[in-house]
Amino acid sequence: MMETAFRTQTTILPGRRIEIDAPNLPEGTRVEVLVMASAASEGRYGSALEFLNSLPRGPRAFATWDEYDRHLKAERDAWER
């Protein structure tokens, strides 16, 4: 029996499934499959900023930075009294 080996890349499909197209192998051939995640796939996000940008937009306590800054100033002024 002649061994046939090839390397290919694919993406995990919905349902955590993997699909491999092997045009050089006849249907019904038994094969061994070794799956190794690429180094880039180790983490879902490349950086903290990427993670923060992935979060859904939600309600914020202040609409703008200036509004927040005014609030902090008012709080600091209240401490001085």
C-alpha atoms as a PDB file:
ATOM      1  CA  MET A   1       0.000   0.000   0.000  1.00  0.00           C
ATOM      2  CA  MET A   2       1.392   3.409  -0.985  1.00  0.00           C
ATOM      3  CA  GLU A   3       1.097   6.153   1.632  1.00  0.00           C
ATOM      4  CA  THR A   4      -0.158   9.497   0.417  1.00  0.00           C
ATOM      5  CA  ALA A   5       0.309  12.551   2.573  1.00  0.00           C
ATOM      6  CA  PHE A   6      -0.589  16.140   1.970  1.00  0.00           C
ATOM      7  CA  ARG A   7      -0.815  19.326   3.991  1.00  0.00           C
ATOM      8  CA  THR A   8      -3.772  21.653   3.837  1.00  0.00           C
ATOM      9  CA  GLN A   9      -5.307  24.424   5.883  1.00  0.00           C
ATOM     10  CA  THR A  10      -8.930  24.918   6.740  1.00  0.00           C
ATOM     11  CA  THR A  11     -11.117  26.895   9.117  1.00  0.00           C
ATOM     12  CA  ILE A  12     -13.257  25.539  11.917  1.00  0.00           C
ATOM     13  CA  LEU A  13     -16.840  25.620  10.669  1.00  0.00           C
ATOM     14  CA  PRO A  14     -19.996  26.354  12.676  1.00  0.00           C
ATOM     15  CA  GLY A  15     -20.637  23.552  15.123  1.00  0.00           C
ATOM     16  CA  ARG A  16     -16.854  23.187  15.550  1.00  0.00           C
ATOM     17  CA  ARG A  17     -16.653  21.030  12.429  1.00  0.00           C
ATOM     18  CA  ILE A  18     -13.717  20.606  10.057  1.00  0.00           C
ATOM     19  CA  GLU A  19     -14.062  19.886   6.366  1.00  0.00           C
ATOM     20  CA  ILE A  20     -11.097  18.688   4.287  1.00  0.00           C
ATOM     21  CA  ASP A  21     -11.066  18.327   0.521  1.00  0.00           C
ATOM     22  CA  ALA A  22      -8.721  15.523  -0.605  1.00  0.00           C
ATOM     23  CA  PRO A  23      -9.058  15.280  -4.404  1.00  0.00           C
ATOM     24  CA  ASN A  24      -6.121  12.842  -4.737  1.00  0.00           C
ATOM     25  CA  LEU A  25      -7.652  10.203  -2.456  1.00  0.00           C
ATOM     26  CA  PRO A  26     -10.358   7.819  -3.629  1.00  0.00           C
ATOM     27  CA  GLU A  27     -13.668   7.836  -1.768  1.00  0.00           C
ATOM     28  CA  GLY A  28     -13.831   5.269   1.007  1.00  0.00           C
ATOM     29  CA  THR A  29     -10.096   5.383   1.722  1.00  0.00           C
ATOM     30  CA  ARG A  30      -9.337   5.227   5.447  1.00  0.00           C
ATOM     31  CA  VAL A  31      -7.109   8.093   6.578  1.00  0.00           C
ATOM     32  CA  GLU A  32      -5.537   9.386   9.744  1.00  0.00           C
ATOM     33  CA  VAL A  33      -6.089  13.065  10.501  1.00  0.00           C
ATOM     34  CA  LEU A  34      -3.857  15.159  12.764  1.00  0.00           C
ATOM     35  CA  VAL A  35      -5.201  18.600  13.677  1.00  0.00           C
ATOM     36  CA  MET A  36      -2.914  21.312  15.050  1.00  0.00           C
ATOM     37  CA  ALA A  37      -4.112  24.862  15.663  1.00  0.00           C
ATOM     38  CA  SER A  38      -1.776  27.463  14.197  1.00  0.00           C
ATOM     39  CA  ALA A  39       0.114  29.687  16.637  1.00  0.00           C
ATOM     40  CA  ALA A  40      -2.028  32.659  15.619  1.00  0.00           C
ATOM     41  CA  SER A  41      -5.141  30.789  16.733  1.00  0.00           C
ATOM     42  CA  GLU A  42      -4.020  30.309  20.330  1.00  0.00           C
ATOM     43  CA  GLY A  43      -5.869  33.375  21.578  1.00  0.00           C
ATOM     44  CA  ARG A  44      -9.114  34.747  20.290  1.00  0.00           C
ATOM     45  CA  TYR A  45      -7.854  38.326  20.408  1.00  0.00           C
ATOM     46  CA  GLY A  46      -4.460  39.655  19.434  1.00  0.00           C
ATOM     47  CA  SER A  47      -4.505  42.505  21.933  1.00  0.00           C
ATOM     48  CA  ALA A  48      -6.515  44.068  24.730  1.00  0.00           C
ATOM     49  CA  LEU A  49      -7.615  46.822  22.355  1.00  0.00           C
ATOM     50  CA  GLU A  50      -8.896  44.217  19.892  1.00  0.00           C
ATOM     51  CA  PHE A  51     -10.891  42.635  22.735  1.00  0.00           C
ATOM     52  CA  LEU A  52     -12.326  45.986  23.849  1.00  0.00           C
ATOM     53  CA  ASN A  53     -13.308  46.849  20.290  1.00  0.00           C
ATOM     54  CA  SER A  54     -15.126  43.512  20.018  1.00  0.00           C
ATOM     55  CA  LEU A  55     -17.449  44.300  22.923  1.00  0.00           C
ATOM     56  CA  PRO A  56     -20.979  45.373  22.030  1.00  0.00           C
ATOM     57  CA  ARG A  57     -21.751  49.039  22.399  1.00  0.00           C
ATOM     58  CA  GLY A  58     -23.689  49.557  25.600  1.00  0.00           C
ATOM     59  CA  PRO A  59     -25.087  52.309  27.727  1.00  0.00           C
ATOM     60  CA  ARG A  60     -22.488  54.590  29.217  1.00  0.00           C
ATOM     61  CA  ALA A  61     -22.696  56.718  32.314  1.00  0.00           C
ATOM     62  CA  PHE A  62     -21.655  59.780  30.296  1.00  0.00           C
ATOM     63  CA  ALA A  63     -22.246  60.490  26.636  1.00  0.00           C
ATOM     64  CA  THR A  64     -18.951  62.307  26.116  1.00  0.00           C
ATOM     65  CA  TRP A  65     -15.533  62.621  27.712  1.00  0.00           C
ATOM     66  CA  ASP A  66     -16.205  66.316  28.442  1.00  0.00           C
ATOM     67  CA  GLU A  67     -19.364  65.400  30.357  1.00  0.00           C
ATOM     68  CA  TYR A  68     -17.363  62.859  32.389  1.00  0.00           C
ATOM     69  CA  ASP A  69     -14.606  65.407  33.010  1.00  0.00           C
ATOM     70  CA  ARG A  70     -17.135  67.981  34.271  1.00  0.00           C
ATOM     71  CA  HIS A  71     -18.583  65.361  36.628  1.00  0.00           C
ATOM     72  CA  LEU A  72     -15.125  64.570  38.048  1.00  0.00           C
ATOM     73  CA  LYS A  73     -14.376  68.259  38.512  1.00  0.00           C
ATOM     74  CA  ALA A  74     -17.661  68.724  40.393  1.00  0.00           C
ATOM     75  CA  GLU A  75     -16.792  65.745  42.620  1.00  0.00           C
ATOM     76  CA  ARG A  76     -13.321  67.123  43.345  1.00  0.00           C
ATOM     77  CA  ASP A  77     -14.771  70.557  44.109  1.00  0.00           C
ATOM     78  CA  ALA A  78     -17.230  68.951  46.543  1.00  0.00           C
ATOM     79  CA  TRP A  79     -14.329  67.364  48.441  1.00  0.00           C
ATOM     80  CA  GLU A  80     -12.790  70.781  49.018  1.00  0.00           C
ATOM     81  CA  ARG A  81     -15.844  72.122  50.863  1.00  0.00           C
END
